[in-house]
């Protein structure tokens, strides 16, 4: 707790591990067993449950709860499981993140993620680096979100869904199918095109963008996505860019089925 600033009204139970230069504001609660690494800031009225592990530089907003019990009817509250927030995660006000339903399991939020106000991450979710959940976005249990994904405000994701790297999901979307990498999604599982602006911002080379454009058009205009993806991967010469390979390989796994291209408009692949 070297050089840490703990408000006198904050409740920190015995057995809490607190690093250096941690700030804990008024009326925050940190339960016995929690771990808070260097440079974290716990805002007033936030609750860090005993099963929470916070990496360096994590910021937890007002009234957020980290490590609460999952909303699962068959959950055994006596088991030990956890929530892990990696370095430099930022949580807005009222964010809730639940621990795993499995003994020894974890719910994990990757480095530099930003979960805005009143968003929710259910038990056993896994978020890659730099994921953004806008206000009120909701993730059901066991959802897997790859890095650099953006979920708009009020978007809701069904349990066990996978969301691929670099996807952008519009506000109030209803997601019940797997979302491929690098796509734009709105409404109920509707793909409108590729996330070209996102790829540009992440400095993906033009040659790699051109390659995934060609694969996207061929794949989305055919019926059996898994079959077509395999055919493209087995061609000579086959795609070589990491972005395209990640996109195609996404279709080789998963059990929920995949979001499809909206029939109301042509795919957006220009630019």
C-alpha atoms as a PDB file:
ATOM      1  CA  UNK A   1       0.000   0.000   0.000  1.00  0.00           C
ATOM      2  CA  UNK A   2       3.020   2.299  -0.410  1.00  0.00           C
ATOM      3  CA  UNK A   3       1.973   5.843  -1.368  1.00  0.00           C
ATOM      4  CA  UNK A   4      -1.664   4.740  -1.690  1.00  0.00           C
ATOM      5  CA  UNK A   5      -4.519   7.116  -0.867  1.00  0.00           C
ATOM      6  CA  UNK A   6      -7.369   5.426   0.997  1.00  0.00           C
ATOM      7  CA  UNK A   7     -10.351   7.544   2.011  1.00  0.00           C
ATOM      8  CA  UNK A   8     -11.216   7.050   5.702  1.00  0.00           C
ATOM      9  CA  UNK A   9     -14.784   5.984   4.852  1.00  0.00           C
ATOM     10  CA  UNK A  10     -13.656   3.253   2.441  1.00  0.00           C
ATOM     11  CA  UNK A  11     -14.106  -0.297   3.774  1.00  0.00           C
ATOM     12  CA  UNK A  12     -11.106  -2.529   3.077  1.00  0.00           C
ATOM     13  CA  UNK A  13     -11.320  -5.905   4.780  1.00  0.00           C
ATOM     14  CA  UNK A  14      -8.348  -7.764   6.212  1.00  0.00           C
ATOM     15  CA  UNK A  15      -6.612 -10.005   3.719  1.00  0.00           C
ATOM     16  CA  UNK A  16      -6.932  -7.627   0.760  1.00  0.00           C
ATOM     17  CA  UNK A  17      -3.784  -7.305  -1.353  1.00  0.00           C
ATOM     18  CA  UNK A  18      -3.245  -3.686  -2.420  1.00  0.00           C
ATOM     19  CA  UNK A  19      -0.279  -2.480  -4.456  1.00  0.00           C
ATOM     20  CA  UNK A  20       1.490   0.881  -4.523  1.00  0.00           C
ATOM     21  CA  UNK A  21      -0.075   4.211  -5.522  1.00  0.00           C
ATOM     22  CA  UNK A  22      -3.642   2.910  -5.344  1.00  0.00           C
ATOM     23  CA  UNK A  23      -6.488   5.382  -4.814  1.00  0.00           C
ATOM     24  CA  UNK A  24      -9.655   4.236  -3.056  1.00  0.00           C
ATOM     25  CA  UNK A  25     -12.373   6.869  -2.809  1.00  0.00           C
ATOM     26  CA  UNK A  26     -15.148   7.379  -0.260  1.00  0.00           C
ATOM     27  CA  UNK A  27     -17.427   4.470   0.644  1.00  0.00           C
ATOM     28  CA  UNK A  28     -15.789   2.011  -1.740  1.00  0.00           C
ATOM     29  CA  UNK A  29     -15.714  -1.605  -0.538  1.00  0.00           C
ATOM     30  CA  UNK A  30     -12.939  -4.137  -1.158  1.00  0.00           C
ATOM     31  CA  UNK A  31     -13.593  -7.600   0.249  1.00  0.00           C
ATOM     32  CA  UNK A  32     -11.152 -10.017   1.845  1.00  0.00           C
ATOM     33  CA  UNK A  33      -9.319 -12.017  -0.837  1.00  0.00           C
ATOM     34  CA  UNK A  34      -9.406  -9.380  -3.580  1.00  0.00           C
ATOM     35  CA  UNK A  35      -6.162  -8.356  -5.275  1.00  0.00           C
ATOM     36  CA  UNK A  36      -5.570  -4.790  -6.461  1.00  0.00           C
ATOM     37  CA  UNK A  37      -2.299  -4.094  -8.257  1.00  0.00           C
ATOM     38  CA  UNK A  38      -0.286  -0.859  -8.504  1.00  0.00           C
ATOM     39  CA  UNK A  39      -1.849   2.352  -9.765  1.00  0.00           C
ATOM     40  CA  UNK A  40      -5.502   1.341  -9.601  1.00  0.00           C
ATOM     41  CA  UNK A  41      -8.270   3.847  -8.859  1.00  0.00           C
ATOM     42  CA  UNK A  42     -11.436   2.628  -7.162  1.00  0.00           C
ATOM     43  CA  UNK A  43     -14.082   5.343  -7.280  1.00  0.00           C
ATOM     44  CA  UNK A  44     -16.623   6.024  -4.552  1.00  0.00           C
ATOM     45  CA  UNK A  45     -19.264   3.374  -3.824  1.00  0.00           C
ATOM     46  CA  UNK A  46     -17.609   0.781  -6.095  1.00  0.00           C
ATOM     47  CA  UNK A  47     -17.535  -2.795  -4.789  1.00  0.00           C
ATOM     48  CA  UNK A  48     -14.596  -5.139  -5.420  1.00  0.00           C
ATOM     49  CA  UNK A  49     -15.689  -8.628  -4.378  1.00  0.00           C
ATOM     50  CA  UNK A  50     -13.354 -11.181  -2.850  1.00  0.00           C
ATOM     51  CA  UNK A  51     -12.985 -13.107  -6.094  1.00  0.00           C
ATOM     52  CA  UNK A  52     -11.715 -10.113  -8.104  1.00  0.00           C
ATOM     53  CA  UNK A  53      -8.164  -9.647  -9.416  1.00  0.00           C
ATOM     54  CA  UNK A  54      -7.298  -6.185 -10.754  1.00  0.00           C
ATOM     55  CA  UNK A  55      -4.157  -5.640 -12.815  1.00  0.00           C
ATOM     56  CA  UNK A  56      -2.076  -2.476 -12.852  1.00  0.00           C
ATOM     57  CA  UNK A  57      -3.718   0.839 -13.660  1.00  0.00           C
ATOM     58  CA  UNK A  58      -7.310  -0.405 -13.538  1.00  0.00           C
ATOM     59  CA  UNK A  59     -10.010   2.225 -12.984  1.00  0.00           C
ATOM     60  CA  UNK A  60     -13.349   1.166 -11.482  1.00  0.00           C
ATOM     61  CA  UNK A  61     -16.191   3.697 -11.725  1.00  0.00           C
ATOM     62  CA  UNK A  62     -18.801   4.724  -9.176  1.00  0.00           C
ATOM     63  CA  UNK A  63     -21.186   1.940  -8.090  1.00  0.00           C
ATOM     64  CA  UNK A  64     -19.501  -0.667 -10.319  1.00  0.00           C
ATOM     65  CA  UNK A  65     -19.371  -4.226  -8.942  1.00  0.00           C
ATOM     66  CA  UNK A  66     -16.503  -6.535  -9.916  1.00  0.00           C
ATOM     67  CA  UNK A  67     -16.642 -10.236  -9.093  1.00  0.00           C
ATOM     68  CA  UNK A  68     -20.264 -10.633  -8.100  1.00  0.00           C
ATOM     69  CA  UNK A  69     -22.032 -14.000  -8.171  1.00  0.00           C
ATOM     70  CA  UNK A  70     -23.347 -15.064 -11.585  1.00  0.00           C
ATOM     71  CA  UNK A  71     -27.060 -14.912 -12.352  1.00  0.00           C
ATOM     72  CA  UNK A  72     -27.338 -18.653 -12.858  1.00  0.00           C
ATOM     73  CA  UNK A  73     -30.061 -20.649 -11.121  1.00  0.00           C
ATOM     74  CA  UNK A  74     -27.864 -23.676 -10.503  1.00  0.00           C
ATOM     75  CA  UNK A  75     -24.809 -21.795  -9.254  1.00  0.00           C
ATOM     76  CA  UNK A  76     -23.065 -23.107  -6.148  1.00  0.00           C
ATOM     77  CA  UNK A  77     -21.965 -20.009  -4.247  1.00  0.00           C
ATOM     78  CA  UNK A  78     -19.467 -21.999  -2.189  1.00  0.00           C
ATOM     79  CA  UNK A  79     -17.119 -22.622  -5.129  1.00  0.00           C
ATOM     80  CA  UNK A  80     -14.075 -20.465  -5.763  1.00  0.00           C
ATOM     81  CA  UNK A  81     -13.938 -18.743  -9.150  1.00  0.00           C
ATOM     82  CA  UNK A  82     -12.789 -15.316 -10.278  1.00  0.00           C
ATOM     83  CA  UNK A  83     -12.941 -12.172 -12.368  1.00  0.00           C
ATOM     84  CA  UNK A  84      -9.618 -10.994 -13.810  1.00  0.00           C
ATOM     85  CA  UNK A  85      -9.184  -7.463 -15.126  1.00  0.00           C
ATOM     86  CA  UNK A  86      -5.885  -7.111 -16.961  1.00  0.00           C
ATOM     87  CA  UNK A  87      -3.784  -3.941 -16.945  1.00  0.00           C
ATOM     88  CA  UNK A  88      -5.298  -0.535 -17.755  1.00  0.00           C
ATOM     89  CA  UNK A  89      -8.925  -1.670 -17.948  1.00  0.00           C
ATOM     90  CA  UNK A  90     -11.394   1.157 -17.427  1.00  0.00           C
ATOM     91  CA  UNK A  91     -14.893   0.595 -16.040  1.00  0.00           C
ATOM     92  CA  UNK A  92     -17.537   3.317 -16.117  1.00  0.00           C
ATOM     93  CA  UNK A  93     -20.195   3.872 -13.490  1.00  0.00           C
ATOM     94  CA  UNK A  94     -22.486   0.980 -12.608  1.00  0.00           C
ATOM     95  CA  UNK A  95     -20.631  -1.664 -14.622  1.00  0.00           C
ATOM     96  CA  UNK A  96     -21.157  -5.255 -13.425  1.00  0.00           C
ATOM     97  CA  UNK A  97     -18.838  -8.203 -14.098  1.00  0.00           C
ATOM     98  CA  UNK A  98     -19.693 -11.656 -12.716  1.00  0.00           C
ATOM     99  CA  UNK A  99     -17.357 -14.439 -11.742  1.00  0.00           C
ATOM    100  CA  UNK A 100     -17.296 -17.878 -13.382  1.00  0.00           C
ATOM    101  CA  UNK A 101     -19.850 -20.595 -12.633  1.00  0.00           C
ATOM    102  CA  UNK A 102     -17.056 -23.204 -12.796  1.00  0.00           C
ATOM    103  CA  UNK A 103     -14.775 -24.166  -9.905  1.00  0.00           C
ATOM    104  CA  UNK A 104     -11.451 -22.478 -10.610  1.00  0.00           C
ATOM    105  CA  UNK A 105     -12.900 -20.770 -13.703  1.00  0.00           C
ATOM    106  CA  UNK A 106     -12.590 -17.108 -14.573  1.00  0.00           C
ATOM    107  CA  UNK A 107     -14.243 -14.240 -16.367  1.00  0.00           C
ATOM    108  CA  UNK A 108     -11.462 -12.236 -18.054  1.00  0.00           C
ATOM    109  CA  UNK A 109     -11.260  -8.708 -19.449  1.00  0.00           C
ATOM    110  CA  UNK A 110      -8.159  -7.976 -21.525  1.00  0.00           C
ATOM    111  CA  UNK A 111      -5.752  -5.052 -21.398  1.00  0.00           C
ATOM    112  CA  UNK A 112      -6.948  -1.560 -22.273  1.00  0.00           C
ATOM    113  CA  UNK A 113     -10.612  -2.503 -22.503  1.00  0.00           C
ATOM    114  CA  UNK A 114     -13.164   0.238 -21.824  1.00  0.00           C
ATOM    115  CA  UNK A 115     -16.545  -0.816 -20.425  1.00  0.00           C
ATOM    116  CA  UNK A 116     -18.782   2.244 -20.372  1.00  0.00           C
ATOM    117  CA  UNK A 117     -21.527   3.003 -17.891  1.00  0.00           C
ATOM    118  CA  UNK A 118     -23.964   0.245 -16.918  1.00  0.00           C
ATOM    119  CA  UNK A 119     -22.594  -2.312 -19.341  1.00  0.00           C
ATOM    120  CA  UNK A 120     -22.618  -5.912 -18.137  1.00  0.00           C
ATOM    121  CA  UNK A 121     -20.264  -8.871 -18.577  1.00  0.00           C
ATOM    122  CA  UNK A 122     -21.766 -12.168 -17.446  1.00  0.00           C
ATOM    123  CA  UNK A 123     -20.008 -15.238 -16.068  1.00  0.00           C
ATOM    124  CA  UNK A 124     -17.244 -16.958 -18.036  1.00  0.00           C
ATOM    125  CA  UNK A 125     -16.925 -14.286 -20.714  1.00  0.00           C
ATOM    126  CA  UNK A 126     -13.549 -13.605 -22.301  1.00  0.00           C
ATOM    127  CA  UNK A 127     -12.694 -10.193 -23.742  1.00  0.00           C
ATOM    128  CA  UNK A 128      -9.533  -9.577 -25.743  1.00  0.00           C
ATOM    129  CA  UNK A 129      -7.478  -6.399 -25.650  1.00  0.00           C
ATOM    130  CA  UNK A 130      -8.952  -2.983 -26.485  1.00  0.00           C
ATOM    131  CA  UNK A 131     -12.586  -4.091 -26.513  1.00  0.00           C
ATOM    132  CA  UNK A 132     -15.102  -1.274 -26.021  1.00  0.00           C
ATOM    133  CA  UNK A 133     -18.601  -1.811 -24.660  1.00  0.00           C
ATOM    134  CA  UNK A 134     -20.653   1.360 -24.977  1.00  0.00           C
ATOM    135  CA  UNK A 135     -23.257   2.319 -22.370  1.00  0.00           C
ATOM    136  CA  UNK A 136     -25.693  -0.429 -21.493  1.00  0.00           C
ATOM    137  CA  UNK A 137     -24.173  -3.137 -23.714  1.00  0.00           C
ATOM    138  CA  UNK A 138     -24.886  -6.625 -22.358  1.00  0.00           C
ATOM    139  CA  UNK A 139     -22.922  -9.870 -22.732  1.00  0.00           C
ATOM    140  CA  UNK A 140     -24.536 -13.182 -21.778  1.00  0.00           C
ATOM    141  CA  UNK A 141     -22.578 -16.026 -20.215  1.00  0.00           C
ATOM    142  CA  UNK A 142     -19.628 -17.660 -21.993  1.00  0.00           C
ATOM    143  CA  UNK A 143     -19.413 -14.975 -24.698  1.00  0.00           C
ATOM    144  CA  UNK A 144     -16.004 -14.719 -26.394  1.00  0.00           C
ATOM    145  CA  UNK A 145     -15.014 -11.298 -27.751  1.00  0.00           C
ATOM    146  CA  UNK A 146     -11.746 -10.976 -29.682  1.00  0.00           C
ATOM    147  CA  UNK A 147      -9.557  -7.883 -29.546  1.00  0.00           C
ATOM    148  CA  UNK A 148     -10.455  -4.489 -31.037  1.00  0.00           C
ATOM    149  CA  UNK A 149     -14.220  -5.134 -31.032  1.00  0.00           C
ATOM    150  CA  UNK A 150     -16.682  -2.282 -30.488  1.00  0.00           C
ATOM    151  CA  UNK A 151     -20.234  -2.895 -29.189  1.00  0.00           C
ATOM    152  CA  UNK A 152     -22.631   0.017 -29.470  1.00  0.00           C
ATOM    153  CA  UNK A 153     -24.882   1.226 -26.693  1.00  0.00           C
ATOM    154  CA  UNK A 154     -27.618  -1.163 -25.620  1.00  0.00           C
ATOM    155  CA  UNK A 155     -26.401  -4.023 -27.820  1.00  0.00           C
ATOM    156  CA  UNK A 156     -27.249  -7.432 -26.341  1.00  0.00           C
ATOM    157  CA  UNK A 157     -25.264 -10.619 -27.007  1.00  0.00           C
ATOM    158  CA  UNK A 158     -26.677 -14.108 -26.383  1.00  0.00           C
ATOM    159  CA  UNK A 159     -24.742 -16.662 -24.324  1.00  0.00           C
ATOM    160  CA  UNK A 160     -21.968 -18.676 -26.000  1.00  0.00           C
ATOM    161  CA  UNK A 161     -21.700 -16.297 -28.978  1.00  0.00           C
ATOM    162  CA  UNK A 162     -18.266 -15.607 -30.508  1.00  0.00           C
ATOM    163  CA  UNK A 163     -17.377 -12.163 -31.846  1.00  0.00           C
ATOM    164  CA  UNK A 164     -14.351 -12.001 -34.122  1.00  0.00           C
ATOM    165  CA  UNK A 165     -11.489  -9.540 -34.038  1.00  0.00           C
ATOM    166  CA  UNK A 166     -12.174  -5.987 -35.218  1.00  0.00           C
ATOM    167  CA  UNK A 167     -15.945  -6.361 -35.585  1.00  0.00           C
ATOM    168  CA  UNK A 168     -18.153  -3.335 -34.958  1.00  0.00           C
ATOM    169  CA  UNK A 169     -21.678  -3.909 -33.668  1.00  0.00           C
ATOM    170  CA  UNK A 170     -24.215  -1.114 -33.845  1.00  0.00           C
ATOM    171  CA  UNK A 171     -26.224   0.200 -30.940  1.00  0.00           C
ATOM    172  CA  UNK A 172     -29.305  -1.772 -29.825  1.00  0.00           C
ATOM    173  CA  UNK A 173     -28.265  -4.767 -31.948  1.00  0.00           C
ATOM    174  CA  UNK A 174     -29.519  -8.243 -31.009  1.00  0.00           C
ATOM    175  CA  UNK A 175     -26.731 -10.777 -31.438  1.00  0.00           C
ATOM    176  CA  UNK A 176     -27.548 -14.487 -31.202  1.00  0.00           C
ATOM    177  CA  UNK A 177     -25.178 -15.844 -33.890  1.00  0.00           C
ATOM    178  CA  UNK A 178     -21.389 -15.785 -34.236  1.00  0.00           C
ATOM    179  CA  UNK A 179     -20.038 -12.534 -35.688  1.00  0.00           C
ATOM    180  CA  UNK A 180     -17.065 -12.912 -38.080  1.00  0.00           C
ATOM    181  CA  UNK A 181     -13.947 -10.747 -37.740  1.00  0.00           C
ATOM    182  CA  UNK A 182     -13.721  -7.281 -39.294  1.00  0.00           C
ATOM    183  CA  UNK A 183     -17.428  -6.871 -40.151  1.00  0.00           C
ATOM    184  CA  UNK A 184     -20.109  -4.267 -39.482  1.00  0.00           C
ATOM    185  CA  UNK A 185     -23.284  -5.563 -37.830  1.00  0.00           C
ATOM    186  CA  UNK A 186     -26.625  -3.961 -37.000  1.00  0.00           C
ATOM    187  CA  UNK A 187     -30.125  -5.057 -36.065  1.00  0.00           C
ATOM    188  CA  UNK A 188     -30.573  -8.769 -35.482  1.00  0.00           C
ATOM    189  CA  UNK A 189     -27.434 -10.551 -36.745  1.00  0.00           C
ATOM    190  CA  UNK A 190     -27.273  -8.516 -39.972  1.00  0.00           C
ATOM    191  CA  UNK A 191     -23.894  -7.883 -41.601  1.00  0.00           C
ATOM    192  CA  UNK A 192     -23.772  -4.759 -43.782  1.00  0.00           C
ATOM    193  CA  UNK A 193     -20.142  -4.944 -44.878  1.00  0.00           C
ATOM    194  CA  UNK A 194     -16.545  -4.783 -43.714  1.00  0.00           C
ATOM    195  CA  UNK A 195     -15.311  -2.474 -40.969  1.00  0.00           C
ATOM    196  CA  UNK A 196     -13.037  -0.583 -43.354  1.00  0.00           C
ATOM    197  CA  UNK A 197     -12.683   2.499 -41.171  1.00  0.00           C
ATOM    198  CA  UNK A 198     -11.700   0.321 -38.215  1.00  0.00           C
ATOM    199  CA  UNK A 199      -9.075  -1.504 -40.260  1.00  0.00           C
ATOM    200  CA  UNK A 200      -7.669   1.820 -41.474  1.00  0.00           C
ATOM    201  CA  UNK A 201      -7.442   3.122 -37.920  1.00  0.00           C
ATOM    202  CA  UNK A 202      -5.596  -0.017 -36.872  1.00  0.00           C
ATOM    203  CA  UNK A 203      -3.164   0.558 -39.764  1.00  0.00           C
ATOM    204  CA  UNK A 204      -3.880  -2.711 -41.534  1.00  0.00           C
ATOM    205  CA  UNK A 205      -1.963  -2.552 -44.868  1.00  0.00           C
ATOM    206  CA  UNK A 206      -3.993  -1.817 -48.027  1.00  0.00           C
ATOM    207  CA  UNK A 207      -2.878  -5.123 -49.558  1.00  0.00           C
ATOM    208  CA  UNK A 208      -4.352  -7.026 -46.598  1.00  0.00           C
ATOM    209  CA  UNK A 209      -7.594  -5.031 -46.815  1.00  0.00           C
ATOM    210  CA  UNK A 210      -7.858  -5.788 -50.552  1.00  0.00           C
ATOM    211  CA  UNK A 211      -7.368  -9.504 -49.907  1.00  0.00           C
ATOM    212  CA  UNK A 212     -10.068  -9.717 -47.229  1.00  0.00           C
ATOM    213  CA  UNK A 213     -12.451  -7.707 -49.455  1.00  0.00           C
ATOM    214  CA  UNK A 214     -12.218 -10.346 -52.175  1.00  0.00           C
ATOM    215  CA  UNK A 215     -12.749 -13.202 -49.728  1.00  0.00           C
ATOM    216  CA  UNK A 216     -15.631 -11.413 -48.022  1.00  0.00           C
ATOM    217  CA  UNK A 217     -17.508 -10.896 -51.289  1.00  0.00           C
ATOM    218  CA  UNK A 218     -17.062 -14.492 -52.420  1.00  0.00           C
ATOM    219  CA  UNK A 219     -17.971 -15.950 -49.047  1.00  0.00           C
ATOM    220  CA  UNK A 220     -20.996 -13.825 -48.194  1.00  0.00           C
ATOM    221  CA  UNK A 221     -22.657 -14.278 -51.581  1.00  0.00           C
ATOM    222  CA  UNK A 222     -22.695 -18.060 -51.241  1.00  0.00           C
ATOM    223  CA  UNK A 223     -24.733 -20.392 -49.064  1.00  0.00           C
ATOM    224  CA  UNK A 224     -22.469 -22.703 -47.065  1.00  0.00           C
ATOM    225  CA  UNK A 225     -20.020 -20.403 -45.312  1.00  0.00           C
ATOM    226  CA  UNK A 226     -17.929 -23.173 -43.769  1.00  0.00           C
ATOM    227  CA  UNK A 227     -17.607 -25.023 -47.077  1.00  0.00           C
ATOM    228  CA  UNK A 228     -16.631 -21.921 -49.062  1.00  0.00           C
ATOM    229  CA  UNK A 229     -14.131 -20.851 -46.395  1.00  0.00           C
ATOM    230  CA  UNK A 230     -12.431 -24.257 -46.596  1.00  0.00           C
ATOM    231  CA  UNK A 231     -12.300 -24.067 -50.397  1.00  0.00           C
ATOM    232  CA  UNK A 232     -10.668 -20.635 -50.318  1.00  0.00           C
ATOM    233  CA  UNK A 233      -8.120 -21.754 -47.709  1.00  0.00           C
ATOM    234  CA  UNK A 234      -7.197 -24.856 -49.770  1.00  0.00           C
ATOM    235  CA  UNK A 235      -6.631 -22.985 -53.017  1.00  0.00           C
ATOM    236  CA  UNK A 236      -3.275 -22.546 -54.702  1.00  0.00           C
ATOM    237  CA  UNK A 237      -2.189 -19.865 -54.101  1.00  0.00           C
ATOM    238  CA  UNK A 238      -4.103 -19.528 -50.860  1.00  0.00           C
ATOM    239  CA  UNK A 239      -4.646 -16.261 -48.952  1.00  0.00           C
ATOM    240  CA  UNK A 240      -1.573 -15.254 -46.994  1.00  0.00           C
ATOM    241  CA  UNK A 241      -2.549 -12.210 -44.926  1.00  0.00           C
ATOM    242  CA  UNK A 242      -3.118 -12.679 -41.210  1.00  0.00           C
ATOM    243  CA  UNK A 243      -6.347 -10.657 -41.321  1.00  0.00           C
ATOM    244  CA  UNK A 244      -7.817 -12.790 -44.108  1.00  0.00           C
ATOM    245  CA  UNK A 245      -6.704 -16.055 -42.536  1.00  0.00           C
ATOM    246  CA  UNK A 246      -8.263 -15.061 -39.219  1.00  0.00           C
ATOM    247  CA  UNK A 247     -11.487 -14.182 -41.071  1.00  0.00           C
ATOM    248  CA  UNK A 248     -11.676 -17.480 -42.976  1.00  0.00           C
ATOM    249  CA  UNK A 249     -10.623 -19.736 -40.095  1.00  0.00           C
ATOM    250  CA  UNK A 250     -13.387 -18.237 -37.949  1.00  0.00           C
ATOM    251  CA  UNK A 251     -15.954 -20.139 -40.041  1.00  0.00           C
ATOM    252  CA  UNK A 252     -14.321 -23.527 -39.413  1.00  0.00           C
ATOM    253  CA  UNK A 253     -15.432 -23.651 -35.765  1.00  0.00           C
ATOM    254  CA  UNK A 254     -18.441 -22.663 -33.694  1.00  0.00           C
ATOM    255  CA  UNK A 255     -21.834 -24.187 -32.957  1.00  0.00           C
ATOM    256  CA  UNK A 256     -24.292 -21.288 -33.081  1.00  0.00           C
ATOM    257  CA  UNK A 257     -24.230 -20.513 -36.792  1.00  0.00           C
ATOM    258  CA  UNK A 258     -23.091 -17.249 -38.355  1.00  0.00           C
ATOM    259  CA  UNK A 259     -24.529 -13.802 -38.959  1.00  0.00           C
ATOM    260  CA  UNK A 260     -25.422 -13.262 -42.616  1.00  0.00           C
ATOM    261  CA  UNK A 261     -25.197 -10.437 -45.088  1.00  0.00           C
ATOM    262  CA  UNK A 262     -28.245  -8.192 -45.080  1.00  0.00           C
ATOM    263  CA  UNK A 263     -30.398  -8.701 -48.186  1.00  0.00           C
ATOM    264  CA  UNK A 264     -31.558  -5.088 -48.119  1.00  0.00           C
ATOM    265  CA  UNK A 265     -28.313  -3.631 -49.470  1.00  0.00           C
ATOM    266  CA  UNK A 266     -25.143  -4.528 -51.321  1.00  0.00           C
ATOM    267  CA  UNK A 267     -22.104  -5.299 -49.154  1.00  0.00           C
ATOM    268  CA  UNK A 268     -20.042  -2.247 -48.225  1.00  0.00           C
ATOM    269  CA  UNK A 269     -16.521  -3.018 -49.337  1.00  0.00           C
ATOM    270  CA  UNK A 270     -15.561   0.206 -51.124  1.00  0.00           C
ATOM    271  CA  UNK A 271     -13.049   2.648 -49.744  1.00  0.00           C
END
